[in-house]
Each structure stands twice: as C-alpha cells, then as structure tokens.
C-alpha cells in the first residue's frame, strides 16, 4: 500500500505561482512513477506531469510545458509540482498518484494504482 497526501493548493491570481507537495509513505517502490493529475469542474481527470523517483525522466502535458515543473525529494519521499504563470484554465483539483512507469511517457488515470485525496487550486482572472 502507498499513502499519498497532497498540500499547497489555494487561491492565486492569474500569472501567479503555487507549489504543490505530495508526501508519500508505505511501499513506495522504485519502479513506480509519481504523477500529478487534475480535474476541473465538469471535466474528466487529466494528466499533468509525471516523474520517476530517480528524477531521471519527466513528462508533461502540452498545456503545462514550460510553466510547470515536477521534482522529487527522495529523502523526504515527497513529490513537488511548481506551477508558474498560472492561468484561470489551470483551476482544478490536483491529485497526486503513483503507478507503473510508462516507457512511452504517456500516463492515464486508469493506469495509476494509488491516489491522494486532492488539493484545490483556484486561479482568478
């Protein structure tokens, strides 16, 4: 079992920044990838970014490339999502997830094994 707890969400103006954190505990296998997904009201959950615990490989959705950065602190078993230049379209509940590494770099909600409860990010215009 893997437990994931997100934090760092909040209200920010467009153009601002936030950093989300995901604290992992339990059996966090090195073969797992850690990902961030988001779900806006009335929309399906979508992939945002993913990283391996080694930090060697990262993947991003096209909509966040150049604005968001995913990283890990292995000593703290924590995954971060630095979000810059936020836009109202980034408003969503952000979820941390753990699942098998995808060597294609594509991650889908159905392919992840463990989920946190989410943290709300609201970007005002």
Protein backbone atom coordinates (compact mmCIF):
# COMPACT_ATOMS: atom_id res chain seq x y z
CA UNK A 1 0.00 0.00 0.00
CA UNK A 2 1.05 3.54 -0.74
CA UNK A 3 -0.38 6.57 1.01
CA UNK A 4 -0.30 9.95 -0.68
CA UNK A 5 -1.14 13.30 0.89
CA UNK A 6 -1.25 16.49 -1.16
CA UNK A 7 -0.87 20.04 0.14
CA UNK A 8 -0.18 23.52 -1.16
CA UNK A 9 -3.35 24.35 -3.05
CA UNK A 10 -5.09 27.69 -2.72
CA UNK A 11 -6.32 30.82 -4.44
CA UNK A 12 -3.93 32.74 -6.67
CA UNK A 13 -4.26 35.46 -9.28
CA UNK A 14 -3.54 34.79 -12.93
CA UNK A 15 0.18 34.99 -13.58
CA UNK A 16 1.00 33.87 -10.07
CA UNK A 17 2.71 30.75 -8.74
CA UNK A 18 1.99 27.87 -6.39
CA UNK A 19 3.93 24.82 -5.30
CA UNK A 20 2.08 21.62 -4.58
CA UNK A 21 3.56 18.89 -2.43
CA UNK A 22 2.76 15.19 -2.25
CA UNK A 23 4.07 13.26 0.73
CA UNK A 24 4.34 9.54 0.06
CA UNK A 25 4.54 6.74 2.59
CA UNK A 26 4.22 2.99 2.62
CA UNK A 27 5.62 0.73 -0.04
CA UNK A 28 6.88 3.35 -2.50
CA UNK A 29 8.59 1.04 -4.98
CA UNK A 30 11.38 2.48 -7.09
CA UNK A 31 9.59 1.03 -10.11
CA UNK A 32 6.69 3.39 -9.53
CA UNK A 33 6.27 6.66 -11.31
CA UNK A 34 4.72 9.58 -9.47
CA UNK A 35 2.25 11.75 -11.28
CA UNK A 36 0.07 14.80 -10.94
CA UNK A 37 -3.37 14.83 -12.48
CA UNK A 38 -6.11 17.43 -12.33
CA UNK A 39 -9.85 17.56 -12.66
CA UNK A 40 -11.74 20.74 -13.42
CA UNK A 41 -15.47 21.06 -12.69
CA UNK A 42 -17.49 19.14 -15.24
CA UNK A 43 -14.41 17.69 -16.92
CA UNK A 44 -12.59 14.39 -16.86
CA UNK A 45 -9.44 13.90 -14.85
CA UNK A 46 -6.37 14.63 -16.98
CA UNK A 47 -2.64 14.05 -16.84
CA UNK A 48 -0.43 16.98 -15.85
CA UNK A 49 3.09 15.68 -15.16
CA UNK A 50 4.98 12.57 -14.09
CA UNK A 51 8.41 11.69 -12.76
CA UNK A 52 10.35 8.65 -11.63
CA UNK A 53 11.74 8.61 -8.11
CA UNK A 54 15.22 8.75 -9.62
CA UNK A 55 14.23 12.08 -11.18
CA UNK A 56 15.81 10.98 -14.44
CA UNK A 57 12.67 11.05 -16.53
CA UNK A 58 9.90 13.64 -16.53
CA UNK A 59 6.82 14.01 -18.70
CA UNK A 60 4.38 16.91 -19.07
CA UNK A 61 1.07 17.60 -20.69
CA UNK A 62 1.42 20.04 -23.58
CA UNK A 63 -0.82 22.53 -21.77
CA UNK A 64 1.67 22.96 -18.89
CA UNK A 65 5.04 22.58 -20.61
CA UNK A 66 7.32 25.48 -19.83
CA UNK A 67 5.14 26.60 -16.90
CA UNK A 68 5.06 23.62 -14.52
CA UNK A 69 7.98 21.66 -13.12
CA UNK A 70 7.76 18.31 -11.33
CA UNK A 71 10.52 17.22 -8.97
CA UNK A 72 11.24 14.82 -6.13
CA UNK A 73 12.98 14.89 -2.77
CA UNK A 74 13.76 11.24 -2.17
CA UNK A 75 14.96 11.81 1.38
CA UNK A 76 11.55 13.26 2.25
CA UNK A 77 9.64 10.91 -0.07
CA UNK A 78 7.93 13.98 -1.45
CA UNK A 79 6.98 14.98 -4.96
CA UNK A 80 6.53 18.63 -5.89
CA UNK A 81 4.73 20.45 -8.65
CA UNK A 82 5.96 24.01 -9.14
CA UNK A 83 3.32 25.91 -11.08
CA UNK A 84 4.24 29.27 -12.62
CA UNK A 85 2.38 31.66 -14.91
CA UNK A 86 -0.90 30.21 -13.74
CA UNK A 87 -3.98 30.74 -15.88
CA UNK A 88 -7.68 30.56 -14.97
CA UNK A 89 -7.80 27.38 -17.09
CA UNK A 90 -5.49 25.73 -14.54
CA UNK A 91 -8.26 25.87 -11.92
CA UNK A 92 -8.93 22.31 -10.77
CA UNK A 93 -8.50 19.79 -8.02
CA UNK A 94 -4.95 18.46 -8.33
CA UNK A 95 -4.31 14.84 -7.43
CA UNK A 96 -1.07 13.03 -6.72
CA UNK A 97 -0.87 9.46 -7.97
CA UNK A 98 1.53 6.51 -8.06
CA UNK A 99 1.63 3.82 -10.68
CA UNK A 100 3.77 1.71 -13.00
CA UNK A 101 6.36 3.51 -15.08
CA UNK A 102 5.20 4.18 -18.62
CA UNK A 103 8.10 3.88 -21.01
CA UNK A 104 6.06 5.65 -23.67
CA UNK A 105 5.81 8.65 -21.36
CA UNK A 106 2.02 8.57 -21.52
CA UNK A 107 0.10 8.31 -18.28
CA UNK A 108 -3.63 7.85 -17.83
CA UNK A 109 -5.79 7.97 -14.70
CA UNK A 110 -6.83 4.37 -15.20
CA UNK A 111 -3.22 3.25 -15.18
CA UNK A 112 -2.37 4.61 -11.74
CA UNK A 113 -2.63 2.43 -8.66
CA UNK A 114 -2.76 4.88 -5.77
CA UNK A 115 -4.29 8.32 -5.33
CA UNK A 116 -4.28 11.14 -2.85
CA UNK A 117 -7.46 12.99 -1.92
CA UNK A 118 -6.56 16.08 -3.92
CA UNK A 119 -5.90 19.75 -3.30
CA UNK A 120 -7.88 22.60 -4.85
CA UNK A 121 -6.15 25.21 -6.97
CA UNK A 122 -8.18 28.25 -7.96
CA UNK A 123 -6.76 30.83 -10.36
CA UNK A 124 -8.66 34.09 -10.55
CA UNK A 125 -8.59 36.34 -13.61
